[in-house]
C-alpha cells in the first residue's frame, strides 16, 4: 500500500507518520511506500519503508497532479491554515483551505479518467462548520452554519468530498475534529491555541495567557485520539455512510474552569498560578460562536473512540510529551 499524507509536517501529520511506521500496515495491508508532503518538506524518518518527503503548495496549479501521479492507495488530507489565520487573511484561507482541496479532488478525478483509480481519501474537517444558534448537543446531521471563513471553507470541502464520492471518483470520508489539546510545541495562530496553552505552558513552568472567561465551554480530544480517528477512518467500511460522508468525532465537552481544575490536579497551585487573565475581545467573539457539545452516536457506533474527561486529556499529554512526569 502506498500512503500519501498532505500536511505531514504539522503536529498531527508528524504523529500520524510515526503511528503508521510503528504499525507497518493499514488493516491487513502492509505499507510499501510513504509520501510526505507539506508547504515545507517534512523530516524524512529513518525507516525500512521507502519514504519520500516533498515541499509543495497544494493550491498551486499542477501541484496536486504531481502528488497523485504515483497513484497512492490512501490519502490523508490534513493540510490547512488555521482558523485565526484564515480569518485574518481571506484570500490565503480560500486559496489553501478550499482551492487546494478542490484541486486535489480534481486531480484524482482526472487520474481516474485514463485508468481506473479511486483512492480512499481521509479529510480532516472541523467543528467550525457549525455556528450559533446551536442545540445543547449538536447532532451529526445538523445543517452547516459556519460563522468564520475557516468554517465556511471546511463546510464547502465537506460537500465536495460527498459529491466526488457519490460520483465514484474517490472513496472519501471526512472527520470533524474536536479542538485538539494539549498540543505540544509552540503556540500557533489558531484562535483556539490558548486551550492548549493554559495547560502546556504551566506544566512546563511557563506563564500562559487566558483571553476568555472561565465559563467558556468547548469540545476537545487529545492528539492521541486524533491519530486514532484517522487510522480508523482509513479502514472503515464507507458503505454505511451513504451520502453523509463526514462525521463529527467524539470528544469531551469541558469549560475553561474544568481545564484549570484538571491542571491543578496534575500540577498543583504552582501551575494554575501561572495563568494570566488578559481578555481579548477578538478571540472571545470568535470562540463565542463555536460549538460546545456534540451528540456523536453515529461516530461511536462506527467504532470511533476518544477520552472520557479532560483529566484524561491532560494525562495523555503528560504521558506522550512529558515522559509521564512533570518537571
C-alpha atoms as a PDB file:
ATOM      1  CA  UNK A   1       0.000   0.000   0.000  1.00  0.00           C
ATOM      2  CA  UNK A   2       1.187   3.492  -0.920  1.00  0.00           C
ATOM      3  CA  UNK A   3       0.111   6.216   1.534  1.00  0.00           C
ATOM      4  CA  UNK A   4       0.232   9.968   0.885  1.00  0.00           C
ATOM      5  CA  UNK A   5      -0.003  12.405   3.802  1.00  0.00           C
ATOM      6  CA  UNK A   6      -0.655  16.015   2.795  1.00  0.00           C
ATOM      7  CA  UNK A   7       0.121  18.301   5.699  1.00  0.00           C
ATOM      8  CA  UNK A   8       2.681  15.853   7.062  1.00  0.00           C
ATOM      9  CA  UNK A   9       4.921  18.492   8.672  1.00  0.00           C
ATOM     10  CA  UNK A  10       2.288  19.574  11.184  1.00  0.00           C
ATOM     11  CA  UNK A  11       1.770  18.166  14.652  1.00  0.00           C
ATOM     12  CA  UNK A  12      -0.992  15.749  13.651  1.00  0.00           C
ATOM     13  CA  UNK A  13       0.807  14.802  10.437  1.00  0.00           C
ATOM     14  CA  UNK A  14       4.027  14.034  12.277  1.00  0.00           C
ATOM     15  CA  UNK A  15       2.255  11.892  14.850  1.00  0.00           C
ATOM     16  CA  UNK A  16       0.290  10.105  12.123  1.00  0.00           C
ATOM     17  CA  UNK A  17       3.517   9.327  10.259  1.00  0.00           C
ATOM     18  CA  UNK A  18       5.061   7.868  13.408  1.00  0.00           C
ATOM     19  CA  UNK A  19       1.968   5.760  14.085  1.00  0.00           C
ATOM     20  CA  UNK A  20       1.891   4.389  10.540  1.00  0.00           C
ATOM     21  CA  UNK A  21       5.572   3.474  10.634  1.00  0.00           C
ATOM     22  CA  UNK A  22       5.183   1.853  14.048  1.00  0.00           C
ATOM     23  CA  UNK A  23       2.261  -0.242  12.834  1.00  0.00           C
ATOM     24  CA  UNK A  24       3.705  -1.024   9.419  1.00  0.00           C
ATOM     25  CA  UNK A  25       0.296  -1.765   7.934  1.00  0.00           C
ATOM     26  CA  UNK A  26      -3.226  -0.433   7.379  1.00  0.00           C
ATOM     27  CA  UNK A  27      -5.526  -3.226   8.423  1.00  0.00           C
ATOM     28  CA  UNK A  28      -4.122  -6.327   6.762  1.00  0.00           C
ATOM     29  CA  UNK A  29      -2.266  -4.418   4.029  1.00  0.00           C
ATOM     30  CA  UNK A  30       1.428  -3.707   4.646  1.00  0.00           C
ATOM     31  CA  UNK A  31       2.686  -0.195   3.967  1.00  0.00           C
ATOM     32  CA  UNK A  32       5.043  -0.402   0.997  1.00  0.00           C
ATOM     33  CA  UNK A  33       5.611   3.307   0.364  1.00  0.00           C
ATOM     34  CA  UNK A  34       5.017   6.567   2.198  1.00  0.00           C
ATOM     35  CA  UNK A  35       4.942  10.044   0.649  1.00  0.00           C
ATOM     36  CA  UNK A  36       5.001  13.037   2.993  1.00  0.00           C
ATOM     37  CA  UNK A  37       4.062  16.455   1.615  1.00  0.00           C
ATOM     38  CA  UNK A  38       3.670  19.930   3.098  1.00  0.00           C
ATOM     39  CA  UNK A  39       4.396  23.570   2.325  1.00  0.00           C
ATOM     40  CA  UNK A  40       7.837  22.874   3.805  1.00  0.00           C
ATOM     41  CA  UNK A  41       9.395  19.449   3.317  1.00  0.00           C
ATOM     42  CA  UNK A  42       8.646  17.232   6.347  1.00  0.00           C
ATOM     43  CA  UNK A  43      11.516  15.472   8.056  1.00  0.00           C
ATOM     44  CA  UNK A  44      12.004  12.135   6.317  1.00  0.00           C
ATOM     45  CA  UNK A  45      12.094   9.434   9.023  1.00  0.00           C
ATOM     46  CA  UNK A  46      14.724   6.721   9.098  1.00  0.00           C
ATOM     47  CA  UNK A  47      12.725   3.643   8.177  1.00  0.00           C
ATOM     48  CA  UNK A  48      12.983   0.490   6.069  1.00  0.00           C
ATOM     49  CA  UNK A  49       9.767   1.584   4.339  1.00  0.00           C
ATOM     50  CA  UNK A  50      10.560   3.741   1.282  1.00  0.00           C
ATOM     51  CA  UNK A  51       9.666   7.300   2.276  1.00  0.00           C
ATOM     52  CA  UNK A  52       9.688  10.474   0.170  1.00  0.00           C
ATOM     53  CA  UNK A  53       9.371  13.972   1.665  1.00  0.00           C
ATOM     54  CA  UNK A  54       8.231  16.814  -0.591  1.00  0.00           C
ATOM     55  CA  UNK A  55       7.734  20.559  -0.284  1.00  0.00           C
ATOM     56  CA  UNK A  56       4.621  21.560  -2.225  1.00  0.00           C
ATOM     57  CA  UNK A  57       1.829  24.125  -2.215  1.00  0.00           C
ATOM     58  CA  UNK A  58      -1.395  22.271  -2.959  1.00  0.00           C
ATOM     59  CA  UNK A  59      -3.116  25.486  -4.028  1.00  0.00           C
ATOM     60  CA  UNK A  60      -0.699  25.996  -6.941  1.00  0.00           C
ATOM     61  CA  UNK A  61      -1.617  24.699 -10.420  1.00  0.00           C
ATOM     62  CA  UNK A  62      -0.071  21.297 -11.124  1.00  0.00           C
ATOM     63  CA  UNK A  63       0.911  20.530  -7.521  1.00  0.00           C
ATOM     64  CA  UNK A  64      -1.928  18.085  -6.880  1.00  0.00           C
ATOM     65  CA  UNK A  65      -1.305  16.278 -10.176  1.00  0.00           C
ATOM     66  CA  UNK A  66       2.317  15.658  -9.194  1.00  0.00           C
ATOM     67  CA  UNK A  67       1.260  14.181  -5.847  1.00  0.00           C
ATOM     68  CA  UNK A  68      -1.317  11.919  -7.497  1.00  0.00           C
ATOM     69  CA  UNK A  69       0.961  10.827 -10.349  1.00  0.00           C
ATOM     70  CA  UNK A  70       2.186   7.843  -8.317  1.00  0.00           C
ATOM     71  CA  UNK A  71      -1.460   6.872  -7.611  1.00  0.00           C
ATOM     72  CA  UNK A  72      -1.393   6.464  -3.826  1.00  0.00           C
ATOM     73  CA  UNK A  73      -3.924   3.983  -2.432  1.00  0.00           C
ATOM     74  CA  UNK A  74      -4.683   6.019   0.693  1.00  0.00           C
ATOM     75  CA  UNK A  75      -4.523   9.790   1.072  1.00  0.00           C
ATOM     76  CA  UNK A  76      -4.694  11.685   4.345  1.00  0.00           C
ATOM     77  CA  UNK A  77      -5.528  15.325   3.571  1.00  0.00           C
ATOM     78  CA  UNK A  78      -4.628  17.287   6.694  1.00  0.00           C
ATOM     79  CA  UNK A  79      -3.319  20.477   5.079  1.00  0.00           C
ATOM     80  CA  UNK A  80      -4.974  23.764   6.050  1.00  0.00           C
ATOM     81  CA  UNK A  81      -4.221  27.130   7.536  1.00  0.00           C
ATOM     82  CA  UNK A  82      -5.760  27.522  10.958  1.00  0.00           C
ATOM     83  CA  UNK A  83      -8.837  29.453  11.986  1.00  0.00           C
ATOM     84  CA  UNK A  84      -7.259  32.695  13.165  1.00  0.00           C
ATOM     85  CA  UNK A  85      -5.017  32.975  10.112  1.00  0.00           C
ATOM     86  CA  UNK A  86      -7.871  32.147   7.709  1.00  0.00           C
ATOM     87  CA  UNK A  87      -9.965  34.885   9.308  1.00  0.00           C
ATOM     88  CA  UNK A  88      -7.125  37.417   9.124  1.00  0.00           C
ATOM     89  CA  UNK A  89      -6.152  36.628   5.510  1.00  0.00           C
ATOM     90  CA  UNK A  90      -9.298  35.990   3.454  1.00  0.00           C
ATOM     91  CA  UNK A  91      -7.523  35.253   0.164  1.00  0.00           C
ATOM     92  CA  UNK A  92      -4.979  32.882   1.689  1.00  0.00           C
ATOM     93  CA  UNK A  93      -7.666  30.980   3.578  1.00  0.00           C
ATOM     94  CA  UNK A  94      -9.726  30.293   0.468  1.00  0.00           C
ATOM     95  CA  UNK A  95      -6.673  29.532  -1.679  1.00  0.00           C
ATOM     96  CA  UNK A  96      -5.304  26.891   0.683  1.00  0.00           C
ATOM     97  CA  UNK A  97      -8.308  25.520   2.538  1.00  0.00           C
ATOM     98  CA  UNK A  98     -10.781  25.459  -0.339  1.00  0.00           C
ATOM     99  CA  UNK A  99      -8.915  25.666  -3.646  1.00  0.00           C
ATOM    100  CA  UNK A 100      -6.218  23.239  -2.527  1.00  0.00           C
ATOM    101  CA  UNK A 101      -8.825  20.627  -1.649  1.00  0.00           C
ATOM    102  CA  UNK A 102     -10.768  21.173  -4.867  1.00  0.00           C
ATOM    103  CA  UNK A 103      -7.604  20.835  -6.953  1.00  0.00           C
ATOM    104  CA  UNK A 104      -6.715  17.606  -5.128  1.00  0.00           C
ATOM    105  CA  UNK A 105     -10.140  16.103  -5.794  1.00  0.00           C
ATOM    106  CA  UNK A 106      -9.997  17.171  -9.412  1.00  0.00           C
ATOM    107  CA  UNK A 107      -6.515  15.669  -9.863  1.00  0.00           C
ATOM    108  CA  UNK A 108      -7.831  12.364  -8.525  1.00  0.00           C
ATOM    109  CA  UNK A 109     -10.803  12.518 -10.903  1.00  0.00           C
ATOM    110  CA  UNK A 110      -8.610  13.217 -13.902  1.00  0.00           C
ATOM    111  CA  UNK A 111      -6.209  10.394 -12.966  1.00  0.00           C
ATOM    112  CA  UNK A 112      -9.164   8.007 -12.941  1.00  0.00           C
ATOM    113  CA  UNK A 113     -10.342   9.163 -16.356  1.00  0.00           C
ATOM    114  CA  UNK A 114      -7.492   7.366 -18.144  1.00  0.00           C
ATOM    115  CA  UNK A 115      -7.177   4.309 -15.901  1.00  0.00           C
ATOM    116  CA  UNK A 116      -9.434   3.158 -13.032  1.00  0.00           C
ATOM    117  CA  UNK A 117      -8.396   4.942  -9.848  1.00  0.00           C
ATOM    118  CA  UNK A 118     -10.469   5.539  -6.711  1.00  0.00           C
ATOM    119  CA  UNK A 119      -8.302   6.009  -3.608  1.00  0.00           C
ATOM    120  CA  UNK A 120      -9.523   6.260  -0.032  1.00  0.00           C
ATOM    121  CA  UNK A 121      -9.309   9.930   0.959  1.00  0.00           C
ATOM    122  CA  UNK A 122      -9.466  10.818   4.650  1.00  0.00           C
ATOM    123  CA  UNK A 123     -10.164  14.539   5.037  1.00  0.00           C
ATOM    124  CA  UNK A 124      -9.885  16.469   8.284  1.00  0.00           C
ATOM    125  CA  UNK A 125     -12.789  18.854   8.629  1.00  0.00           C
ATOM    126  CA  UNK A 126     -13.706  20.874  11.701  1.00  0.00           C
ATOM    127  CA  UNK A 127     -16.485  21.501  14.177  1.00  0.00           C
ATOM    128  CA  UNK A 128     -16.219  25.121  12.967  1.00  0.00           C
ATOM    129  CA  UNK A 129     -18.690  24.183  10.202  1.00  0.00           C
ATOM    130  CA  UNK A 130     -21.357  24.713  12.884  1.00  0.00           C
ATOM    131  CA  UNK A 131     -22.244  28.040  14.452  1.00  0.00           C
ATOM    132  CA  UNK A 132     -24.937  29.668  16.550  1.00  0.00           C
ATOM    133  CA  UNK A 133     -27.795  29.169  17.099  1.00  0.00           C
ATOM    134  CA  UNK A 134     -26.910  25.709  18.365  1.00  0.00           C
ATOM    135  CA  UNK A 135     -28.759  22.994  20.302  1.00  0.00           C
ATOM    136  CA  UNK A 136     -27.420  21.745  23.634  1.00  0.00           C
ATOM    137  CA  UNK A 137     -25.815  18.778  21.835  1.00  0.00           C
ATOM    138  CA  UNK A 138     -25.213  19.098  18.101  1.00  0.00           C
ATOM    139  CA  UNK A 139     -26.415  16.089  16.074  1.00  0.00           C
ATOM    140  CA  UNK A 140     -24.290  14.741  13.250  1.00  0.00           C
ATOM    141  CA  UNK A 141     -26.796  15.771  10.588  1.00  0.00           C
ATOM    142  CA  UNK A 142     -27.259  19.406  11.656  1.00  0.00           C
ATOM    143  CA  UNK A 143     -27.114  21.955   8.851  1.00  0.00           C
ATOM    144  CA  UNK A 144     -23.835  23.814   8.382  1.00  0.00           C
ATOM    145  CA  UNK A 145     -23.992  27.321   9.849  1.00  0.00           C
ATOM    146  CA  UNK A 146     -20.347  28.487   9.940  1.00  0.00           C
ATOM    147  CA  UNK A 147     -19.561  31.876  11.429  1.00  0.00           C
ATOM    148  CA  UNK A 148     -15.954  32.129  10.213  1.00  0.00           C
ATOM    149  CA  UNK A 149     -14.215  31.925   6.856  1.00  0.00           C
ATOM    150  CA  UNK A 150     -12.351  28.833   8.082  1.00  0.00           C
ATOM    151  CA  UNK A 151     -15.609  27.085   8.965  1.00  0.00           C
ATOM    152  CA  UNK A 152     -17.119  28.068   5.622  1.00  0.00           C
ATOM    153  CA  UNK A 153     -14.120  26.675   3.738  1.00  0.00           C
ATOM    154  CA  UNK A 154     -14.333  23.377   5.598  1.00  0.00           C
ATOM    155  CA  UNK A 155     -18.096  23.161   5.039  1.00  0.00           C
ATOM    156  CA  UNK A 156     -17.688  23.605   1.280  1.00  0.00           C
ATOM    157  CA  UNK A 157     -14.970  20.937   1.259  1.00  0.00           C
ATOM    158  CA  UNK A 158     -17.316  18.513   3.012  1.00  0.00           C
ATOM    159  CA  UNK A 159     -19.838  18.987   0.198  1.00  0.00           C
ATOM    160  CA  UNK A 160     -17.159  18.475  -2.446  1.00  0.00           C
ATOM    161  CA  UNK A 161     -15.971  15.299  -0.725  1.00  0.00           C
ATOM    162  CA  UNK A 162     -19.517  13.928  -0.696  1.00  0.00           C
ATOM    163  CA  UNK A 163     -20.147  14.785  -4.347  1.00  0.00           C
ATOM    164  CA  UNK A 164     -16.877  13.355  -5.667  1.00  0.00           C
ATOM    165  CA  UNK A 165     -17.534  10.214  -3.591  1.00  0.00           C
ATOM    166  CA  UNK A 166     -21.101   9.978  -4.905  1.00  0.00           C
ATOM    167  CA  UNK A 167     -19.790  10.079  -8.443  1.00  0.00           C
ATOM    168  CA  UNK A 168     -17.248   7.335  -7.695  1.00  0.00           C
ATOM    169  CA  UNK A 169     -14.163   9.484  -8.274  1.00  0.00           C
ATOM    170  CA  UNK A 170     -12.893   8.975  -4.717  1.00  0.00           C
ATOM    171  CA  UNK A 171     -13.813   6.921  -1.650  1.00  0.00           C
ATOM    172  CA  UNK A 172     -13.939   9.813   0.788  1.00  0.00           C
ATOM    173  CA  UNK A 173     -14.521  10.091   4.490  1.00  0.00           C
ATOM    174  CA  UNK A 174     -14.388  13.346   6.436  1.00  0.00           C
ATOM    175  CA  UNK A 175     -13.811  13.597  10.162  1.00  0.00           C
ATOM    176  CA  UNK A 176     -14.751  16.763  12.039  1.00  0.00           C
ATOM    177  CA  UNK A 177     -12.034  17.036  14.622  1.00  0.00           C
ATOM    178  CA  UNK A 178     -12.698  18.494  18.052  1.00  0.00           C
ATOM    179  CA  UNK A 179     -10.192  21.106  19.163  1.00  0.00           C
ATOM    180  CA  UNK A 180      -7.055  19.046  19.724  1.00  0.00           C
ATOM    181  CA  UNK A 181      -5.395  19.578  23.094  1.00  0.00           C
ATOM    182  CA  UNK A 182      -2.911  19.527  24.612  1.00  0.00           C
ATOM    183  CA  UNK A 183      -0.817  20.363  21.537  1.00  0.00           C
ATOM    184  CA  UNK A 184       2.941  20.053  22.096  1.00  0.00           C
ATOM    185  CA  UNK A 185       5.434  22.642  20.902  1.00  0.00           C
ATOM    186  CA  UNK A 186       4.973  26.345  20.413  1.00  0.00           C
ATOM    187  CA  UNK A 187       1.656  28.216  20.056  1.00  0.00           C
ATOM    188  CA  UNK A 188       0.239  28.602  16.535  1.00  0.00           C
ATOM    189  CA  UNK A 189      -2.078  31.223  15.016  1.00  0.00           C
ATOM    190  CA  UNK A 190      -5.274  29.309  15.744  1.00  0.00           C
ATOM    191  CA  UNK A 191      -7.855  31.239  17.714  1.00  0.00           C
ATOM    192  CA  UNK A 192      -8.177  28.074  19.800  1.00  0.00           C
ATOM    193  CA  UNK A 193      -4.481  27.982  20.692  1.00  0.00           C
ATOM    194  CA  UNK A 194      -4.999  29.157  24.265  1.00  0.00           C
ATOM    195  CA  UNK A 195      -6.964  25.962  25.072  1.00  0.00           C
ATOM    196  CA  UNK A 196      -3.646  24.103  24.879  1.00  0.00           C
ATOM    197  CA  UNK A 197      -1.507  26.976  26.126  1.00  0.00           C
ATOM    198  CA  UNK A 198      -3.138  27.232  29.547  1.00  0.00           C
ATOM    199  CA  UNK A 199      -2.220  23.585  30.179  1.00  0.00           C
ATOM    200  CA  UNK A 200       1.045  23.182  28.266  1.00  0.00           C
ATOM    201  CA  UNK A 201       2.874  26.288  29.453  1.00  0.00           C
ATOM    202  CA  UNK A 202       2.087  25.971  33.181  1.00  0.00           C
ATOM    203  CA  UNK A 203       3.046  22.270  33.180  1.00  0.00           C
ATOM    204  CA  UNK A 204       6.366  23.383  31.698  1.00  0.00           C
ATOM    205  CA  UNK A 205       6.812  26.116  34.303  1.00  0.00           C
ATOM    206  CA  UNK A 206       5.879  28.989  31.976  1.00  0.00           C
ATOM    207  CA  UNK A 207       3.229  31.701  32.099  1.00  0.00           C
ATOM    208  CA  UNK A 208       0.140  31.349  29.893  1.00  0.00           C
ATOM    209  CA  UNK A 209      -2.421  33.942  28.832  1.00  0.00           C
ATOM    210  CA  UNK A 210      -6.137  33.182  29.134  1.00  0.00           C
ATOM    211  CA  UNK A 211      -8.058  35.543  26.782  1.00  0.00           C
ATOM    212  CA  UNK A 212     -11.637  34.395  27.582  1.00  0.00           C
ATOM    213  CA  UNK A 213     -13.851  33.801  30.613  1.00  0.00           C
ATOM    214  CA  UNK A 214     -13.594  30.559  32.577  1.00  0.00           C
ATOM    215  CA  UNK A 215     -17.242  29.816  31.803  1.00  0.00           C
ATOM    216  CA  UNK A 216     -16.448  29.237  28.106  1.00  0.00           C
ATOM    217  CA  UNK A 217     -17.281  25.645  27.121  1.00  0.00           C
ATOM    218  CA  UNK A 218     -15.816  23.777  24.168  1.00  0.00           C
ATOM    219  CA  UNK A 219     -15.326  20.328  22.577  1.00  0.00           C
ATOM    220  CA  UNK A 220     -11.931  18.614  22.974  1.00  0.00           C
ATOM    221  CA  UNK A 221      -9.915  15.493  22.179  1.00  0.00           C
ATOM    222  CA  UNK A 222      -6.231  14.637  22.533  1.00  0.00           C
ATOM    223  CA  UNK A 223      -3.659  14.245  19.742  1.00  0.00           C
ATOM    224  CA  UNK A 224      -3.616  10.529  20.576  1.00  0.00           C
ATOM    225  CA  UNK A 225      -7.369  10.345  19.947  1.00  0.00           C
ATOM    226  CA  UNK A 226      -6.997  12.314  16.698  1.00  0.00           C
ATOM    227  CA  UNK A 227      -4.495   9.774  15.355  1.00  0.00           C
ATOM    228  CA  UNK A 228      -6.891   7.014  16.350  1.00  0.00           C
ATOM    229  CA  UNK A 229      -9.681   8.735  14.398  1.00  0.00           C
ATOM    230  CA  UNK A 230      -7.524   8.959  11.266  1.00  0.00           C
ATOM    231  CA  UNK A 231      -6.339   5.355  11.391  1.00  0.00           C
ATOM    232  CA  UNK A 232      -9.856   4.069  11.992  1.00  0.00           C
ATOM    233  CA  UNK A 233     -11.223   6.181   9.123  1.00  0.00           C
ATOM    234  CA  UNK A 234      -8.592   4.699   6.811  1.00  0.00           C
ATOM    235  CA  UNK A 235     -10.019   1.190   7.155  1.00  0.00           C
ATOM    236  CA  UNK A 236     -13.696   1.901   7.855  1.00  0.00           C
ATOM    237  CA  UNK A 237     -16.328   0.462   5.542  1.00  0.00           C
ATOM    238  CA  UNK A 238     -17.754   3.634   3.970  1.00  0.00           C
ATOM    239  CA  UNK A 239     -20.909   1.968   2.655  1.00  0.00           C
ATOM    240  CA  UNK A 240     -22.930   2.728   5.837  1.00  0.00           C
ATOM    241  CA  UNK A 241     -22.059   6.422   5.485  1.00  0.00           C
ATOM    242  CA  UNK A 242     -24.312   6.798   2.454  1.00  0.00           C
ATOM    243  CA  UNK A 243     -24.181  10.371   1.165  1.00  0.00           C
ATOM    244  CA  UNK A 244     -23.289  11.762   4.609  1.00  0.00           C
ATOM    245  CA  UNK A 245     -19.566  11.256   4.199  1.00  0.00           C
ATOM    246  CA  UNK A 246     -18.400  13.410   7.119  1.00  0.00           C
ATOM    247  CA  UNK A 247     -18.813  12.590  10.803  1.00  0.00           C
ATOM    248  CA  UNK A 248     -18.377  14.602  13.990  1.00  0.00           C
ATOM    249  CA  UNK A 249     -15.780  12.874  16.137  1.00  0.00           C
ATOM    250  CA  UNK A 250     -16.363  12.030  19.805  1.00  0.00           C
ATOM    251  CA  UNK A 251     -14.729  14.161  22.465  1.00  0.00           C
ATOM    252  CA  UNK A 252     -15.077  15.861  25.838  1.00  0.00           C
ATOM    253  CA  UNK A 253     -17.291  18.875  26.493  1.00  0.00           C
ATOM    254  CA  UNK A 254     -15.492  20.975  29.112  1.00  0.00           C
ATOM    255  CA  UNK A 255     -15.259  24.556  30.344  1.00  0.00           C
ATOM    256  CA  UNK A 256     -12.112  26.574  30.906  1.00  0.00           C
ATOM    257  CA  UNK A 257     -12.786  26.079  34.617  1.00  0.00           C
ATOM    258  CA  UNK A 258     -12.741  22.305  34.021  1.00  0.00           C
ATOM    259  CA  UNK A 259      -9.404  22.688  32.251  1.00  0.00           C
ATOM    260  CA  UNK A 260      -7.938  24.643  35.146  1.00  0.00           C
ATOM    261  CA  UNK A 261      -9.240  22.075  37.653  1.00  0.00           C
ATOM    262  CA  UNK A 262      -7.550  19.289  35.665  1.00  0.00           C
ATOM    263  CA  UNK A 263      -4.348  21.333  35.530  1.00  0.00           C
ATOM    264  CA  UNK A 264      -4.430  21.789  39.304  1.00  0.00           C
ATOM    265  CA  UNK A 265      -4.852  18.048  39.831  1.00  0.00           C
ATOM    266  CA  UNK A 266      -1.625  17.304  37.977  1.00  0.00           C
ATOM    267  CA  UNK A 267       0.391  20.495  38.511  1.00  0.00           C
ATOM    268  CA  UNK A 268      -0.990  21.914  41.737  1.00  0.00           C
ATOM    269  CA  UNK A 269      -1.448  25.551  42.689  1.00  0.00           C
ATOM    270  CA  UNK A 270       2.016  26.340  41.301  1.00  0.00           C
ATOM    271  CA  UNK A 271       0.807  25.537  37.796  1.00  0.00           C
ATOM    272  CA  UNK A 272      -2.536  27.335  37.993  1.00  0.00           C
ATOM    273  CA  UNK A 273      -0.835  30.474  39.356  1.00  0.00           C
ATOM    274  CA  UNK A 274       0.969  30.788  36.013  1.00  0.00           C
ATOM    275  CA  UNK A 275      -2.296  31.528  34.156  1.00  0.00           C
ATOM    276  CA  UNK A 276      -2.658  35.247  33.490  1.00  0.00           C
ATOM    277  CA  UNK A 277      -6.160  36.530  32.649  1.00  0.00           C
ATOM    278  CA  UNK A 278      -5.943  39.003  29.770  1.00  0.00           C
ATOM    279  CA  UNK A 279      -9.225  39.418  27.896  1.00  0.00           C
ATOM    280  CA  UNK A 280      -9.029  39.543  24.091  1.00  0.00           C
ATOM    281  CA  UNK A 281     -12.300  40.676  22.548  1.00  0.00           C
ATOM    282  CA  UNK A 282     -11.481  39.365  19.077  1.00  0.00           C
ATOM    283  CA  UNK A 283     -10.736  35.852  20.316  1.00  0.00           C
ATOM    284  CA  UNK A 284     -13.677  35.946  22.724  1.00  0.00           C
ATOM    285  CA  UNK A 285     -16.032  36.874  19.857  1.00  0.00           C
ATOM    286  CA  UNK A 286     -14.757  34.050  17.638  1.00  0.00           C
ATOM    287  CA  UNK A 287     -14.919  31.445  20.394  1.00  0.00           C
ATOM    288  CA  UNK A 288     -18.403  32.539  21.492  1.00  0.00           C
ATOM    289  CA  UNK A 289     -19.879  31.179  18.261  1.00  0.00           C
ATOM    290  CA  UNK A 290     -18.132  27.814  18.422  1.00  0.00           C
ATOM    291  CA  UNK A 291     -19.893  24.530  19.260  1.00  0.00           C
ATOM    292  CA  UNK A 292     -19.801  23.356  22.858  1.00  0.00           C
ATOM    293  CA  UNK A 293     -21.184  19.825  22.867  1.00  0.00           C
ATOM    294  CA  UNK A 294     -21.991  17.071  20.371  1.00  0.00           C
ATOM    295  CA  UNK A 295     -24.174  14.016  20.023  1.00  0.00           C
ATOM    296  CA  UNK A 296     -21.682  11.646  18.371  1.00  0.00           C
ATOM    297  CA  UNK A 297     -23.686   8.428  18.462  1.00  0.00           C
ATOM    298  CA  UNK A 298     -23.133   7.922  14.749  1.00  0.00           C
ATOM    299  CA  UNK A 299     -19.334   8.016  15.071  1.00  0.00           C
ATOM    300  CA  UNK A 300     -19.368   5.939  18.259  1.00  0.00           C
ATOM    301  CA  UNK A 301     -21.496   3.279  16.574  1.00  0.00           C
ATOM    302  CA  UNK A 302     -18.900   3.093  13.806  1.00  0.00           C
ATOM    303  CA  UNK A 303     -16.110   2.469  16.303  1.00  0.00           C
ATOM    304  CA  UNK A 304     -14.513   5.896  16.849  1.00  0.00           C
ATOM    305  CA  UNK A 305     -13.370   6.498  20.452  1.00  0.00           C
ATOM    306  CA  UNK A 306     -11.985   9.415  22.478  1.00  0.00           C
ATOM    307  CA  UNK A 307     -11.245  10.364  26.074  1.00  0.00           C
ATOM    308  CA  UNK A 308     -13.933  10.423  28.768  1.00  0.00           C
ATOM    309  CA  UNK A 309     -12.801  13.519  30.718  1.00  0.00           C
ATOM    310  CA  UNK A 310     -10.466  16.491  30.480  1.00  0.00           C
ATOM    311  CA  UNK A 311      -8.303  14.890  33.144  1.00  0.00           C
ATOM    312  CA  UNK A 312      -7.793  12.014  30.708  1.00  0.00           C
ATOM    313  CA  UNK A 313      -6.678  14.514  28.059  1.00  0.00           C
ATOM    314  CA  UNK A 314      -4.105  16.105  30.380  1.00  0.00           C
ATOM    315  CA  UNK A 315      -2.892  12.651  31.386  1.00  0.00           C
ATOM    316  CA  UNK A 316      -2.301  11.804  27.708  1.00  0.00           C
ATOM    317  CA  UNK A 317      -0.191  14.954  27.309  1.00  0.00           C
ATOM    318  CA  UNK A 318       1.918  14.105  30.342  1.00  0.00           C
ATOM    319  CA  UNK A 319       2.418  10.509  29.165  1.00  0.00           C
ATOM    320  CA  UNK A 320       3.099  11.289  25.495  1.00  0.00           C
ATOM    321  CA  UNK A 321       5.013  14.572  25.716  1.00  0.00           C
ATOM    322  CA  UNK A 322       6.498  14.810  29.207  1.00  0.00           C
ATOM    323  CA  UNK A 323       7.541  11.199  29.661  1.00  0.00           C
ATOM    324  CA  UNK A 324       4.891  10.637  32.299  1.00  0.00           C
ATOM    325  CA  UNK A 325       6.376  13.216  34.680  1.00  0.00           C
ATOM    326  CA  UNK A 326       6.018  16.942  35.319  1.00  0.00           C
ATOM    327  CA  UNK A 327       9.179  18.968  35.798  1.00  0.00           C
END
